[in-house]
N, C-alpha and C. Protein backbone atom coordinates (compact mmCIF):
# COMPACT_ATOMS: atom_id res chain seq x y z
N UNK A 1 1.16 15.33 -8.56
CA UNK A 1 1.72 14.96 -7.28
C UNK A 1 3.07 15.66 -7.13
N UNK A 2 3.28 16.26 -5.99
CA UNK A 2 4.54 16.97 -5.82
C UNK A 2 5.56 16.13 -5.04
N UNK A 3 6.76 16.64 -4.97
CA UNK A 3 7.86 15.90 -4.34
C UNK A 3 7.56 15.62 -2.88
N UNK A 4 6.90 16.52 -2.18
CA UNK A 4 6.60 16.31 -0.77
C UNK A 4 5.73 15.07 -0.55
N UNK A 5 4.82 14.78 -1.50
CA UNK A 5 3.98 13.60 -1.37
C UNK A 5 4.82 12.32 -1.37
N UNK A 6 5.81 12.27 -2.24
CA UNK A 6 6.67 11.10 -2.27
C UNK A 6 7.49 10.99 -0.99
N UNK A 7 7.93 12.12 -0.47
CA UNK A 7 8.68 12.10 0.78
C UNK A 7 7.80 11.60 1.91
N UNK A 8 6.54 12.02 1.94
CA UNK A 8 5.62 11.54 2.97
C UNK A 8 5.43 10.03 2.87
N UNK A 9 5.30 9.51 1.63
CA UNK A 9 5.12 8.08 1.44
C UNK A 9 6.34 7.31 1.92
N UNK A 10 7.53 7.83 1.64
CA UNK A 10 8.75 7.18 2.12
C UNK A 10 8.80 7.23 3.64
N UNK A 11 8.31 8.33 4.20
CA UNK A 11 8.30 8.47 5.64
C UNK A 11 7.41 7.40 6.27
N UNK A 12 6.23 7.16 5.69
CA UNK A 12 5.36 6.09 6.19
C UNK A 12 6.04 4.74 6.07
N UNK A 13 6.69 4.52 4.94
CA UNK A 13 7.39 3.26 4.73
C UNK A 13 8.49 3.07 5.78
N UNK A 14 9.22 4.14 6.05
CA UNK A 14 10.28 4.07 7.06
C UNK A 14 9.70 3.84 8.45
N UNK A 15 8.57 4.46 8.74
CA UNK A 15 7.93 4.25 10.05
C UNK A 15 7.48 2.80 10.21
N UNK A 16 6.91 2.24 9.16
CA UNK A 16 6.47 0.85 9.23
C UNK A 16 7.68 -0.07 9.39
N UNK A 17 8.73 0.18 8.62
CA UNK A 17 9.95 -0.63 8.74
C UNK A 17 10.53 -0.52 10.14
N UNK A 18 10.52 0.66 10.70
CA UNK A 18 11.02 0.87 12.05
C UNK A 18 10.17 0.11 13.08
N UNK A 19 8.86 0.15 12.92
CA UNK A 19 7.99 -0.60 13.82
C UNK A 19 8.25 -2.10 13.73
N UNK A 20 8.40 -2.61 12.51
CA UNK A 20 8.70 -4.03 12.33
C UNK A 20 10.00 -4.37 13.07
N UNK A 21 11.00 -3.53 12.93
CA UNK A 21 12.28 -3.75 13.62
C UNK A 21 12.09 -3.74 15.14
N UNK A 22 11.33 -2.78 15.64
CA UNK A 22 11.10 -2.70 17.09
C UNK A 22 10.38 -3.94 17.60
N UNK A 23 9.40 -4.43 16.85
CA UNK A 23 8.72 -5.66 17.26
C UNK A 23 9.66 -6.85 17.22
N UNK A 24 10.55 -6.89 16.21
CA UNK A 24 11.49 -8.02 16.12
C UNK A 24 12.42 -8.07 17.33
N UNK A 25 12.70 -6.92 17.94
CA UNK A 25 13.55 -6.88 19.13
C UNK A 25 12.85 -7.47 20.35
N UNK A 26 11.53 -7.59 20.31
CA UNK A 26 10.74 -8.12 21.43
C UNK A 26 10.29 -9.55 21.21
N UNK A 27 10.78 -10.19 20.14
CA UNK A 27 10.31 -11.53 19.79
C UNK A 27 10.59 -12.58 20.86
N UNK A 28 11.69 -12.46 21.54
CA UNK A 28 12.04 -13.47 22.54
C UNK A 28 11.04 -13.49 23.69
N UNK A 29 10.65 -12.32 24.16
CA UNK A 29 9.74 -12.26 25.31
C UNK A 29 8.26 -12.36 24.93
N UNK A 30 7.91 -11.98 23.69
CA UNK A 30 6.51 -11.98 23.25
C UNK A 30 6.40 -12.51 21.82
N UNK A 31 6.72 -13.78 21.59
CA UNK A 31 6.77 -14.29 20.21
C UNK A 31 5.42 -14.25 19.48
N UNK A 32 4.34 -14.54 20.17
CA UNK A 32 3.03 -14.56 19.50
C UNK A 32 2.58 -13.18 19.07
N UNK A 33 2.65 -12.24 20.00
CA UNK A 33 2.21 -10.87 19.72
C UNK A 33 3.08 -10.21 18.67
N UNK A 34 4.39 -10.40 18.77
CA UNK A 34 5.29 -9.77 17.80
C UNK A 34 5.11 -10.37 16.41
N UNK A 35 4.90 -11.69 16.34
CA UNK A 35 4.70 -12.32 15.03
C UNK A 35 3.45 -11.78 14.37
N UNK A 36 2.38 -11.63 15.16
CA UNK A 36 1.13 -11.09 14.64
C UNK A 36 1.35 -9.69 14.08
N UNK A 37 1.98 -8.82 14.84
CA UNK A 37 2.21 -7.45 14.40
C UNK A 37 3.17 -7.35 13.22
N UNK A 38 4.23 -8.14 13.25
CA UNK A 38 5.19 -8.10 12.14
C UNK A 38 4.50 -8.53 10.84
N UNK A 39 3.72 -9.61 10.90
CA UNK A 39 3.00 -10.06 9.70
C UNK A 39 2.00 -9.03 9.23
N UNK A 40 1.25 -8.44 10.16
CA UNK A 40 0.24 -7.43 9.81
C UNK A 40 0.90 -6.22 9.17
N UNK A 41 1.96 -5.71 9.78
CA UNK A 41 2.64 -4.53 9.25
C UNK A 41 3.30 -4.82 7.91
N UNK A 42 3.85 -6.01 7.75
CA UNK A 42 4.47 -6.38 6.48
C UNK A 42 3.44 -6.40 5.36
N UNK A 43 2.27 -6.97 5.63
CA UNK A 43 1.20 -6.99 4.62
C UNK A 43 0.73 -5.58 4.29
N UNK A 44 0.54 -4.75 5.30
CA UNK A 44 0.08 -3.38 5.06
C UNK A 44 1.13 -2.58 4.29
N UNK A 45 2.40 -2.80 4.59
CA UNK A 45 3.47 -2.11 3.88
C UNK A 45 3.48 -2.51 2.41
N UNK A 46 3.28 -3.79 2.13
CA UNK A 46 3.24 -4.26 0.74
C UNK A 46 2.05 -3.64 0.02
N UNK A 47 0.89 -3.62 0.68
CA UNK A 47 -0.30 -3.03 0.05
C UNK A 47 -0.10 -1.53 -0.21
N UNK A 48 0.53 -0.85 0.73
CA UNK A 48 0.81 0.57 0.55
C UNK A 48 1.74 0.78 -0.64
N UNK A 49 2.79 -0.02 -0.73
CA UNK A 49 3.73 0.10 -1.84
C UNK A 49 3.06 -0.22 -3.18
N UNK A 50 2.19 -1.24 -3.18
CA UNK A 50 1.46 -1.57 -4.41
C UNK A 50 0.54 -0.43 -4.81
N UNK A 51 -0.13 0.17 -3.84
CA UNK A 51 -1.02 1.30 -4.12
C UNK A 51 -0.25 2.48 -4.69
N UNK A 52 0.91 2.76 -4.11
CA UNK A 52 1.76 3.86 -4.61
C UNK A 52 2.21 3.56 -6.03
N UNK A 53 2.59 2.31 -6.31
CA UNK A 53 3.01 1.92 -7.66
C UNK A 53 1.85 2.10 -8.66
N UNK A 54 0.66 1.67 -8.27
CA UNK A 54 -0.51 1.79 -9.15
C UNK A 54 -0.83 3.26 -9.42
N UNK A 55 -0.80 4.06 -8.38
CA UNK A 55 -1.09 5.49 -8.55
C UNK A 55 -0.04 6.16 -9.42
N UNK A 56 1.22 5.82 -9.21
CA UNK A 56 2.30 6.38 -10.02
C UNK A 56 2.13 5.99 -11.49
N UNK A 57 1.80 4.74 -11.73
CA UNK A 57 1.56 4.26 -13.10
C UNK A 57 0.41 5.04 -13.74
N UNK A 58 -0.66 5.26 -12.98
CA UNK A 58 -1.80 6.00 -13.50
C UNK A 58 -1.41 7.44 -13.83
N UNK A 59 -0.69 8.10 -12.94
CA UNK A 59 -0.25 9.47 -13.18
C UNK A 59 0.61 9.55 -14.44
N UNK A 60 1.50 8.57 -14.61
CA UNK A 60 2.40 8.57 -15.77
C UNK A 60 1.67 8.35 -17.08
N UNK A 61 0.53 7.64 -17.04
CA UNK A 61 -0.18 7.29 -18.26
C UNK A 61 -1.49 8.03 -18.46
N UNK A 62 -1.83 8.91 -17.56
CA UNK A 62 -3.15 9.55 -17.62
C UNK A 62 -3.32 10.42 -18.87
N UNK A 63 -2.26 11.01 -19.35
CA UNK A 63 -2.38 11.90 -20.51
C UNK A 63 -2.60 11.13 -21.82
N UNK A 64 -2.36 9.84 -21.83
CA UNK A 64 -2.54 9.04 -23.05
C UNK A 64 -3.77 8.14 -22.98
N UNK A 65 -4.60 8.34 -21.96
CA UNK A 65 -5.77 7.49 -21.77
C UNK A 65 -7.02 8.35 -21.70
N UNK A 66 -8.09 7.85 -22.31
CA UNK A 66 -9.38 8.55 -22.22
C UNK A 66 -9.92 8.46 -20.80
N UNK A 67 -10.69 9.46 -20.42
CA UNK A 67 -11.30 9.46 -19.10
C UNK A 67 -12.39 8.40 -19.04
N UNK A 68 -12.70 7.96 -17.83
CA UNK A 68 -13.79 6.99 -17.62
C UNK A 68 -14.79 7.60 -16.65
N UNK A 69 -16.02 7.15 -16.77
CA UNK A 69 -17.07 7.67 -15.89
C UNK A 69 -16.95 7.04 -14.51
N UNK A 70 -17.56 7.68 -13.54
CA UNK A 70 -17.57 7.15 -12.18
C UNK A 70 -18.28 5.80 -12.17
N UNK A 71 -19.32 5.66 -12.95
CA UNK A 71 -20.05 4.39 -13.03
C UNK A 71 -19.14 3.27 -13.53
N UNK A 72 -18.32 3.57 -14.54
CA UNK A 72 -17.38 2.56 -15.05
C UNK A 72 -16.33 2.20 -14.01
N UNK A 73 -15.85 3.19 -13.27
CA UNK A 73 -14.87 2.92 -12.21
C UNK A 73 -15.49 2.02 -11.15
N UNK A 74 -16.71 2.32 -10.75
CA UNK A 74 -17.40 1.48 -9.75
C UNK A 74 -17.61 0.07 -10.26
N UNK A 75 -18.00 -0.06 -11.52
CA UNK A 75 -18.19 -1.39 -12.12
C UNK A 75 -16.89 -2.17 -12.14
N UNK A 76 -15.81 -1.51 -12.55
CA UNK A 76 -14.51 -2.19 -12.58
C UNK A 76 -14.08 -2.60 -11.17
N UNK A 77 -14.35 -1.75 -10.20
CA UNK A 77 -13.99 -2.06 -8.82
C UNK A 77 -14.77 -3.26 -8.31
N UNK A 78 -16.06 -3.30 -8.60
CA UNK A 78 -16.90 -4.43 -8.18
C UNK A 78 -16.43 -5.72 -8.86
N UNK A 79 -16.15 -5.64 -10.15
CA UNK A 79 -15.67 -6.83 -10.87
C UNK A 79 -14.33 -7.29 -10.33
N UNK A 80 -13.45 -6.35 -10.03
CA UNK A 80 -12.14 -6.70 -9.49
C UNK A 80 -12.28 -7.36 -8.12
N UNK A 81 -13.11 -6.77 -7.27
CA UNK A 81 -13.32 -7.34 -5.94
C UNK A 81 -13.97 -8.72 -6.01
N UNK A 82 -14.77 -8.94 -7.04
CA UNK A 82 -15.43 -10.24 -7.22
C UNK A 82 -14.52 -11.25 -7.91
N UNK A 83 -13.33 -10.83 -8.27
CA UNK A 83 -12.34 -11.68 -8.93
C UNK A 83 -12.74 -12.08 -10.37
N UNK A 84 -13.61 -11.27 -10.98
CA UNK A 84 -13.98 -11.52 -12.37
C UNK A 84 -12.93 -11.02 -13.33
N UNK A 85 -12.12 -10.03 -12.89
CA UNK A 85 -11.05 -9.53 -13.74
C UNK A 85 -9.75 -9.57 -12.97
């Protein structure tokens, strides 16, 4: 991953933060709609940051870990989504 990728990720984060701020400025006139959007954007921003953290962790540790098959990745994903792990 190169430096530009991290800059792009920060740019998305800044855009989301800016949108949240813009919605907060409209709360008085549109409290329901702004609350919905602020909550939605906040959740998406957290998920994006978590995804970036997970990917960064993987990149940092990939050289010390054996590779896994696509089948194993799919199995782990299914188990994770099913809350078994």
